[in-house]
N, C-alpha and C. Protein backbone atom coordinates (compact mmCIF):
# COMPACT_ATOMS: atom_id res chain seq x y z
N SER A 1 0.84 -1.19 0.00
CA SER A 1 0.00 0.00 0.00
C SER A 1 0.88 1.25 0.00
N CYS A 2 0.35 2.32 -0.54
CA CYS A 2 1.11 3.56 -0.64
C CYS A 2 1.00 4.39 0.62
N ARG A 3 0.10 4.05 1.48
CA ARG A 3 -0.13 4.86 2.67
C ARG A 3 0.71 4.36 3.84
N ARG A 4 1.19 5.30 4.61
CA ARG A 4 1.93 4.97 5.83
C ARG A 4 1.39 5.84 6.95
N SER A 5 1.78 5.51 8.14
CA SER A 5 1.30 6.32 9.27
C SER A 5 1.92 7.71 9.21
N ALA A 6 1.25 8.67 9.84
CA ALA A 6 1.73 10.06 9.84
C ALA A 6 3.11 10.15 10.51
N ASP A 7 3.34 9.35 11.55
CA ASP A 7 4.64 9.38 12.22
C ASP A 7 5.75 8.96 11.26
N ARG A 8 5.50 7.89 10.53
CA ARG A 8 6.51 7.39 9.60
C ARG A 8 6.75 8.40 8.49
N LEU A 9 5.68 9.03 8.01
CA LEU A 9 5.81 10.02 6.94
C LEU A 9 6.70 11.17 7.38
N SER A 10 6.48 11.70 8.58
CA SER A 10 7.28 12.83 9.03
C SER A 10 8.74 12.40 9.23
N ASP A 11 8.98 11.18 9.67
CA ASP A 11 10.35 10.68 9.80
C ASP A 11 11.00 10.57 8.42
N ASP A 12 10.24 10.10 7.43
CA ASP A 12 10.77 9.91 6.08
C ASP A 12 11.11 11.22 5.41
N LEU A 13 10.46 12.31 5.79
CA LEU A 13 10.63 13.57 5.09
C LEU A 13 11.82 14.40 5.57
N ILE A 14 12.54 13.89 6.57
CA ILE A 14 13.71 14.62 7.06
C ILE A 14 14.82 14.50 6.01
N ILE A 15 15.24 15.64 5.52
CA ILE A 15 16.29 15.67 4.50
C ILE A 15 17.53 16.26 5.15
N THR A 16 18.61 15.50 5.09
CA THR A 16 19.82 15.96 5.75
C THR A 16 20.77 16.69 4.83
N ASP A 17 20.71 16.41 3.52
CA ASP A 17 21.57 17.12 2.58
C ASP A 17 20.95 17.08 1.20
N ARG A 18 21.66 17.67 0.23
CA ARG A 18 21.12 17.79 -1.13
C ARG A 18 20.78 16.43 -1.74
N SER A 19 21.56 15.42 -1.44
CA SER A 19 21.36 14.13 -2.09
C SER A 19 20.12 13.40 -1.59
N MET A 20 19.54 13.85 -0.50
CA MET A 20 18.37 13.21 0.07
C MET A 20 18.62 11.71 0.14
N GLN A 21 18.02 11.08 1.09
CA GLN A 21 18.27 9.66 1.25
C GLN A 21 17.59 8.89 0.13
N SER A 22 18.38 8.38 -0.76
CA SER A 22 17.97 7.52 -1.85
C SER A 22 16.77 8.00 -2.65
N PRO A 23 16.94 9.07 -3.42
CA PRO A 23 15.85 9.49 -4.29
C PRO A 23 15.51 8.41 -5.31
N GLY A 24 16.50 7.58 -5.68
CA GLY A 24 16.23 6.48 -6.61
C GLY A 24 15.25 5.48 -6.03
N LYS A 25 15.42 5.18 -4.75
CA LYS A 25 14.51 4.25 -4.07
C LYS A 25 13.11 4.87 -3.99
N SER A 26 13.04 6.16 -3.70
CA SER A 26 11.73 6.84 -3.64
C SER A 26 11.06 6.83 -5.01
N LEU A 27 11.84 7.05 -6.07
CA LEU A 27 11.28 7.03 -7.41
C LEU A 27 10.73 5.64 -7.74
N LYS A 28 11.52 4.62 -7.42
CA LYS A 28 11.07 3.25 -7.68
C LYS A 28 9.76 2.98 -6.94
N GLU A 29 9.69 3.34 -5.66
CA GLU A 29 8.48 3.11 -4.86
C GLU A 29 7.29 3.88 -5.43
N ALA A 30 7.51 5.13 -5.84
CA ALA A 30 6.42 5.94 -6.39
C ALA A 30 5.91 5.36 -7.70
N LEU A 31 6.82 4.88 -8.55
CA LEU A 31 6.42 4.28 -9.83
C LEU A 31 5.64 3.00 -9.62
N VAL A 32 6.12 2.15 -8.71
CA VAL A 32 5.44 0.88 -8.44
C VAL A 32 4.05 1.14 -7.86
N CYS A 33 3.97 2.10 -6.95
CA CYS A 33 2.69 2.45 -6.34
C CYS A 33 1.71 2.98 -7.39
N ALA A 34 2.18 3.91 -8.21
CA ALA A 34 1.32 4.50 -9.25
C ALA A 34 0.89 3.42 -10.25
N GLN A 35 1.80 2.52 -10.58
CA GLN A 35 1.46 1.43 -11.51
C GLN A 35 0.35 0.57 -10.93
N SER A 36 0.46 0.24 -9.64
CA SER A 36 -0.55 -0.63 -9.01
C SER A 36 -1.91 0.05 -8.93
N GLU A 37 -1.92 1.38 -8.93
CA GLU A 37 -3.18 2.12 -8.83
C GLU A 37 -3.66 2.65 -10.18
N GLY A 38 -2.97 2.28 -11.26
CA GLY A 38 -3.38 2.71 -12.58
C GLY A 38 -3.18 4.20 -12.84
N ARG A 39 -2.14 4.79 -12.22
CA ARG A 39 -1.89 6.23 -12.36
C ARG A 39 -0.62 6.52 -13.15
N LEU A 40 -0.17 5.58 -13.99
CA LEU A 40 1.03 5.79 -14.80
C LEU A 40 0.65 5.97 -16.26
N THR A 41 1.33 6.87 -16.91
CA THR A 41 1.23 7.02 -18.36
C THR A 41 2.63 6.84 -18.90
N VAL A 42 2.81 5.89 -19.82
CA VAL A 42 4.12 5.58 -20.36
C VAL A 42 4.14 5.91 -21.85
N GLY A 43 5.14 6.67 -22.27
CA GLY A 43 5.32 7.00 -23.68
C GLY A 43 5.27 8.50 -23.91
N VAL A 44 6.08 8.97 -24.83
CA VAL A 44 6.17 10.40 -25.12
C VAL A 44 4.84 10.93 -25.64
N TYR A 45 4.26 10.25 -26.62
CA TYR A 45 3.02 10.75 -27.21
C TYR A 45 1.84 10.64 -26.25
N GLU A 46 1.77 9.53 -25.51
CA GLU A 46 0.70 9.35 -24.53
C GLU A 46 0.80 10.41 -23.44
N SER A 47 2.03 10.70 -23.03
CA SER A 47 2.25 11.72 -21.99
C SER A 47 1.87 13.10 -22.50
N ALA A 48 2.25 13.40 -23.75
CA ALA A 48 1.89 14.70 -24.33
C ALA A 48 0.37 14.87 -24.39
N LYS A 49 -0.33 13.79 -24.69
CA LYS A 49 -1.79 13.85 -24.76
C LYS A 49 -2.38 14.17 -23.39
N ILE A 50 -1.90 13.51 -22.34
CA ILE A 50 -2.38 13.77 -20.98
C ILE A 50 -2.07 15.22 -20.59
N MET A 51 -0.86 15.66 -20.89
CA MET A 51 -0.46 17.03 -20.53
C MET A 51 -1.33 18.07 -21.24
N THR A 52 -1.74 17.76 -22.47
CA THR A 52 -2.58 18.69 -23.23
C THR A 52 -4.03 18.63 -22.74
N ASP A 53 -4.55 17.42 -22.54
CA ASP A 53 -5.96 17.24 -22.19
C ASP A 53 -6.27 17.58 -20.74
N ASP A 54 -5.36 17.21 -19.83
CA ASP A 54 -5.64 17.39 -18.40
C ASP A 54 -4.35 17.66 -17.62
N PRO A 55 -3.73 18.83 -17.84
CA PRO A 55 -2.44 19.11 -17.20
C PRO A 55 -2.50 19.11 -15.66
N ASP A 56 -3.65 19.44 -15.09
CA ASP A 56 -3.76 19.46 -13.63
C ASP A 56 -3.69 18.07 -13.01
N SER A 57 -3.89 17.04 -13.81
CA SER A 57 -3.84 15.68 -13.28
C SER A 57 -2.42 15.15 -13.15
N VAL A 58 -1.45 15.83 -13.79
CA VAL A 58 -0.07 15.34 -13.79
C VAL A 58 0.62 15.76 -12.50
N SER A 59 1.17 14.77 -11.80
CA SER A 59 1.83 15.03 -10.54
C SER A 59 3.35 14.99 -10.64
N PHE A 60 3.88 14.14 -11.55
CA PHE A 60 5.32 13.95 -11.61
C PHE A 60 5.70 13.43 -12.99
N CYS A 61 6.88 13.82 -13.47
CA CYS A 61 7.35 13.42 -14.80
C CYS A 61 8.76 12.84 -14.71
N VAL A 62 8.96 11.73 -15.42
CA VAL A 62 10.28 11.10 -15.50
C VAL A 62 10.67 11.02 -16.98
N LEU A 63 11.84 11.56 -17.30
CA LEU A 63 12.38 11.45 -18.66
C LEU A 63 13.56 10.49 -18.62
N ALA A 64 13.59 9.55 -19.57
CA ALA A 64 14.65 8.55 -19.58
C ALA A 64 15.44 8.63 -20.87
N THR A 65 16.76 8.59 -20.74
CA THR A 65 17.63 8.62 -21.90
C THR A 65 18.36 7.30 -22.03
N ASP A 66 18.92 7.08 -23.21
CA ASP A 66 19.77 5.93 -23.47
C ASP A 66 20.84 6.37 -24.47
N GLU A 67 21.62 5.42 -24.98
CA GLU A 67 22.71 5.77 -25.88
C GLU A 67 22.21 6.46 -27.14
N GLU A 68 21.03 6.06 -27.64
CA GLU A 68 20.51 6.61 -28.88
C GLU A 68 19.95 8.02 -28.72
N PHE A 69 19.73 8.46 -27.49
CA PHE A 69 19.12 9.78 -27.25
C PHE A 69 19.92 10.89 -27.91
N GLU A 70 21.26 10.82 -27.81
CA GLU A 70 22.12 11.86 -28.36
C GLU A 70 21.96 12.01 -29.87
N CYS A 71 21.57 10.95 -30.55
CA CYS A 71 21.43 10.97 -32.01
C CYS A 71 20.00 11.26 -32.47
N ASP A 72 19.05 11.24 -31.55
CA ASP A 72 17.64 11.38 -31.91
C ASP A 72 17.17 12.82 -31.67
N ILE A 73 17.27 13.64 -32.70
CA ILE A 73 16.93 15.06 -32.57
C ILE A 73 15.45 15.24 -32.23
N ALA A 74 14.58 14.44 -32.84
CA ALA A 74 13.13 14.55 -32.57
C ALA A 74 12.85 14.29 -31.09
N LEU A 75 13.50 13.28 -30.52
CA LEU A 75 13.30 12.98 -29.10
C LEU A 75 13.83 14.11 -28.23
N GLN A 76 14.96 14.69 -28.60
CA GLN A 76 15.50 15.81 -27.83
C GLN A 76 14.53 17.00 -27.86
N ILE A 77 13.91 17.24 -28.98
CA ILE A 77 12.92 18.32 -29.08
C ILE A 77 11.71 18.01 -28.20
N HIS A 78 11.24 16.76 -28.24
CA HIS A 78 10.13 16.37 -27.37
C HIS A 78 10.48 16.60 -25.90
N PHE A 79 11.70 16.21 -25.51
CA PHE A 79 12.13 16.40 -24.13
C PHE A 79 12.12 17.88 -23.76
N THR A 80 12.61 18.72 -24.65
CA THR A 80 12.64 20.16 -24.38
C THR A 80 11.23 20.69 -24.18
N LEU A 81 10.30 20.27 -25.02
CA LEU A 81 8.91 20.72 -24.90
C LEU A 81 8.26 20.19 -23.62
N ILE A 82 8.52 18.93 -23.28
CA ILE A 82 7.96 18.35 -22.05
C ILE A 82 8.52 19.08 -20.83
N GLN A 83 9.84 19.32 -20.83
CA GLN A 83 10.46 20.05 -19.71
C GLN A 83 9.83 21.43 -19.57
N SER A 84 9.68 22.13 -20.66
CA SER A 84 9.08 23.46 -20.63
C SER A 84 7.67 23.41 -20.08
N PHE A 85 6.90 22.43 -20.53
CA PHE A 85 5.53 22.28 -20.04
C PHE A 85 5.54 22.05 -18.53
N CYS A 86 6.43 21.18 -18.07
CA CYS A 86 6.50 20.88 -16.63
C CYS A 86 6.87 22.13 -15.83
N PHE A 87 7.85 22.90 -16.33
CA PHE A 87 8.24 24.13 -15.63
C PHE A 87 7.08 25.10 -15.57
N ASP A 88 6.37 25.27 -16.69
CA ASP A 88 5.25 26.21 -16.77
C ASP A 88 4.08 25.80 -15.89
N ASN A 89 3.93 24.50 -15.65
CA ASN A 89 2.78 24.00 -14.89
C ASN A 89 3.16 23.49 -13.50
N ASP A 90 4.37 23.84 -13.04
CA ASP A 90 4.83 23.48 -11.70
C ASP A 90 4.75 21.97 -11.43
N ILE A 91 5.22 21.19 -12.40
CA ILE A 91 5.25 19.74 -12.26
C ILE A 91 6.70 19.33 -12.02
N SER A 92 6.92 18.55 -10.97
CA SER A 92 8.27 18.07 -10.67
C SER A 92 8.72 17.11 -11.77
N ILE A 93 10.00 17.22 -12.15
CA ILE A 93 10.52 16.42 -13.24
C ILE A 93 11.94 15.97 -12.92
N VAL A 94 12.25 14.71 -13.26
CA VAL A 94 13.59 14.17 -13.08
C VAL A 94 13.98 13.43 -14.35
N ARG A 95 15.26 13.14 -14.45
CA ARG A 95 15.79 12.39 -15.57
C ARG A 95 16.47 11.14 -15.02
N VAL A 96 16.33 10.03 -15.73
CA VAL A 96 17.07 8.80 -15.41
C VAL A 96 17.83 8.39 -16.67
N SER A 97 18.99 7.76 -16.49
CA SER A 97 19.79 7.37 -17.64
C SER A 97 19.66 5.89 -17.97
N ASP A 98 18.98 5.13 -17.13
CA ASP A 98 18.82 3.70 -17.37
C ASP A 98 17.39 3.43 -17.84
N MET A 99 17.16 3.67 -19.13
CA MET A 99 15.80 3.51 -19.66
C MET A 99 15.33 2.06 -19.58
N GLN A 100 16.23 1.11 -19.73
CA GLN A 100 15.84 -0.30 -19.66
C GLN A 100 15.32 -0.63 -18.26
N ARG A 101 15.98 -0.14 -17.23
CA ARG A 101 15.52 -0.40 -15.86
C ARG A 101 14.16 0.28 -15.62
N LEU A 102 13.99 1.49 -16.13
CA LEU A 102 12.70 2.18 -16.00
C LEU A 102 11.61 1.39 -16.70
N ALA A 103 11.90 0.90 -17.90
CA ALA A 103 10.91 0.11 -18.65
C ALA A 103 10.53 -1.16 -17.89
N GLU A 104 11.51 -1.80 -17.24
CA GLU A 104 11.21 -2.99 -16.44
C GLU A 104 10.27 -2.65 -15.29
N LEU A 105 10.51 -1.50 -14.65
CA LEU A 105 9.68 -1.10 -13.51
C LEU A 105 8.24 -0.78 -13.92
N VAL A 106 8.09 -0.11 -15.06
CA VAL A 106 6.76 0.37 -15.43
C VAL A 106 6.01 -0.54 -16.38
N GLY A 107 6.71 -1.50 -17.00
CA GLY A 107 5.99 -2.31 -17.96
C GLY A 107 6.47 -3.73 -18.11
N GLY A 108 7.44 -4.11 -17.31
CA GLY A 108 7.97 -5.45 -17.45
C GLY A 108 8.94 -5.55 -18.62
N LYS A 109 9.56 -6.68 -18.76
CA LYS A 109 10.59 -6.87 -19.78
C LYS A 109 10.01 -6.88 -21.19
N THR A 110 8.73 -7.13 -21.35
CA THR A 110 8.14 -7.18 -22.68
C THR A 110 7.77 -5.79 -23.19
N GLN A 111 7.81 -4.79 -22.32
CA GLN A 111 7.48 -3.42 -22.71
C GLN A 111 8.43 -2.93 -23.80
N GLN A 112 7.90 -2.28 -24.81
CA GLN A 112 8.75 -1.69 -25.83
C GLN A 112 9.60 -0.60 -25.18
N LEU A 113 10.91 -0.69 -25.29
CA LEU A 113 11.79 0.25 -24.61
C LEU A 113 11.58 1.69 -25.07
N GLU A 114 11.31 1.89 -26.36
CA GLU A 114 11.16 3.27 -26.82
C GLU A 114 9.95 3.96 -26.20
N ASP A 115 9.01 3.17 -25.66
CA ASP A 115 7.84 3.76 -25.01
C ASP A 115 8.16 4.34 -23.65
N ALA A 116 9.32 4.01 -23.09
CA ALA A 116 9.63 4.43 -21.73
C ALA A 116 10.46 5.70 -21.66
N HIS A 117 10.55 6.47 -22.73
CA HIS A 117 11.32 7.71 -22.68
C HIS A 117 10.66 8.74 -21.77
N CYS A 118 9.36 8.69 -21.63
CA CYS A 118 8.64 9.62 -20.75
C CYS A 118 7.60 8.83 -19.97
N VAL A 119 7.58 9.04 -18.66
CA VAL A 119 6.61 8.40 -17.78
C VAL A 119 6.01 9.48 -16.89
N LEU A 120 4.68 9.51 -16.84
CA LEU A 120 3.99 10.46 -15.97
C LEU A 120 3.29 9.72 -14.85
N ILE A 121 3.31 10.33 -13.67
CA ILE A 121 2.50 9.86 -12.56
C ILE A 121 1.37 10.87 -12.42
N THR A 122 0.14 10.39 -12.49
CA THR A 122 -1.01 11.28 -12.36
C THR A 122 -1.63 11.11 -10.99
N SER A 123 -2.39 12.12 -10.60
CA SER A 123 -3.10 12.10 -9.32
C SER A 123 -4.39 11.31 -9.49
N PRO A 124 -4.86 10.67 -8.43
CA PRO A 124 -6.15 9.99 -8.53
C PRO A 124 -7.28 11.02 -8.73
N ALA A 125 -8.32 10.60 -9.38
CA ALA A 125 -9.43 11.50 -9.70
C ALA A 125 -10.03 12.16 -8.46
N ASP A 126 -10.14 11.40 -7.38
CA ASP A 126 -10.79 11.96 -6.19
C ASP A 126 -9.83 12.77 -5.32
N GLY A 127 -8.54 12.73 -5.62
CA GLY A 127 -7.55 13.52 -4.89
C GLY A 127 -7.27 13.01 -3.48
N SER A 128 -7.82 11.87 -3.12
CA SER A 128 -7.67 11.37 -1.75
C SER A 128 -6.59 10.30 -1.69
N TRP A 129 -5.37 10.73 -1.72
CA TRP A 129 -4.27 9.77 -1.64
C TRP A 129 -3.10 10.39 -0.93
N GLU A 130 -2.24 9.52 -0.51
CA GLU A 130 -1.03 9.96 0.17
C GLU A 130 0.07 9.01 -0.25
N ASP A 131 1.11 9.54 -0.85
CA ASP A 131 2.23 8.72 -1.28
C ASP A 131 3.52 9.35 -0.76
N PRO A 132 4.03 8.83 0.35
CA PRO A 132 5.23 9.41 0.96
C PRO A 132 6.43 9.43 0.01
N SER A 133 6.57 8.42 -0.84
CA SER A 133 7.70 8.39 -1.78
C SER A 133 7.61 9.54 -2.76
N LEU A 134 6.42 9.81 -3.25
CA LEU A 134 6.23 10.91 -4.19
C LEU A 134 6.47 12.25 -3.49
N GLU A 135 6.05 12.35 -2.26
CA GLU A 135 6.28 13.59 -1.50
C GLU A 135 7.79 13.82 -1.33
N LYS A 136 8.54 12.76 -1.05
CA LYS A 136 10.01 12.88 -0.93
C LYS A 136 10.62 13.35 -2.25
N LEU A 137 10.10 12.83 -3.36
CA LEU A 137 10.60 13.23 -4.67
C LEU A 137 10.31 14.70 -4.96
N HIS A 138 9.11 15.16 -4.59
CA HIS A 138 8.79 16.58 -4.78
C HIS A 138 9.75 17.46 -3.97
N LEU A 139 10.05 17.06 -2.75
CA LEU A 139 10.99 17.82 -1.92
C LEU A 139 12.40 17.80 -2.51
N PHE A 140 12.80 16.64 -3.03
CA PHE A 140 14.10 16.52 -3.68
C PHE A 140 14.19 17.47 -4.88
N CYS A 141 13.13 17.50 -5.70
CA CYS A 141 13.11 18.38 -6.88
C CYS A 141 13.12 19.85 -6.48
N GLU A 142 12.38 20.18 -5.43
CA GLU A 142 12.34 21.55 -4.94
C GLU A 142 13.73 21.99 -4.48
N GLU A 143 14.40 21.13 -3.74
CA GLU A 143 15.75 21.44 -3.28
C GLU A 143 16.72 21.56 -4.46
N SER A 144 16.58 20.68 -5.44
CA SER A 144 17.45 20.74 -6.62
C SER A 144 17.25 22.05 -7.37
N ARG A 145 16.00 22.49 -7.51
CA ARG A 145 15.73 23.76 -8.20
C ARG A 145 16.37 24.93 -7.46
N ARG A 146 16.37 24.87 -6.15
CA ARG A 146 17.02 25.93 -5.36
C ARG A 146 18.50 26.01 -5.69
N LEU A 147 19.07 24.89 -6.08
CA LEU A 147 20.49 24.83 -6.42
C LEU A 147 20.71 24.93 -7.94
N ASN A 148 19.68 25.40 -8.64
CA ASN A 148 19.72 25.58 -10.10
C ASN A 148 19.94 24.29 -10.88
N ASP A 149 19.52 23.18 -10.32
CA ASP A 149 19.51 21.91 -11.04
C ASP A 149 18.05 21.64 -11.38
N TRP A 150 17.64 22.08 -12.57
CA TRP A 150 16.21 22.10 -12.91
C TRP A 150 15.65 20.75 -13.27
N VAL A 151 16.48 19.85 -13.80
CA VAL A 151 16.03 18.50 -14.11
C VAL A 151 17.08 17.54 -13.54
N PRO A 152 17.00 17.29 -12.23
CA PRO A 152 18.02 16.45 -11.60
C PRO A 152 17.98 15.02 -12.13
N GLU A 153 19.14 14.40 -12.16
CA GLU A 153 19.22 13.01 -12.61
C GLU A 153 19.21 12.09 -11.39
N ILE A 154 18.43 11.04 -11.47
CA ILE A 154 18.29 10.06 -10.40
C ILE A 154 18.69 8.70 -10.94
N SER A 155 19.41 7.93 -10.14
CA SER A 155 19.76 6.56 -10.51
C SER A 155 18.76 5.61 -9.88
N LEU A 156 18.16 4.77 -10.70
CA LEU A 156 17.20 3.79 -10.18
C LEU A 156 17.98 2.64 -9.56
N PRO A 157 17.53 2.17 -8.39
CA PRO A 157 18.21 1.03 -7.76
C PRO A 157 17.91 -0.25 -8.52
N GLU A 158 18.83 -1.16 -8.45
CA GLU A 158 18.56 -2.50 -9.00
C GLU A 158 17.56 -3.19 -8.08
N ARG A 159 16.92 -4.14 -8.59
CA ARG A 159 15.90 -4.93 -7.87
C ARG A 159 15.61 -4.39 -6.53
């Protein structure tokens, strides 16, 4: 379950330095939680559609790169537009460099890897949820922005 007691949540939110305790672990937990609740959107085009149709529903954005990213100008343009949209709409955003690991987390090994370049976590329709991992990620992104790191990179933990 994504919910924890209030005591545990306040303990989890203590940040001692810029690196925050394992943002990669928090990202993994938030993705798994959102996946189990049907709040994940995977894919650049699918994400763009959600951002256009219902931007207020987007809570968090993950952009994933791989070796081919440097050669794919269209994907770089999409990333620039997605980043701009996130900045304009106050949506926390991070980058990961292990797209294969992200694809495994959000869609299993059979997931088409190119679909995992962008992953959105949306809020539930009724707004009645609490996800401590996602809250930690928002705090991490806020702290990173204070240090002029607008799209911080996070390493996903193995298994």
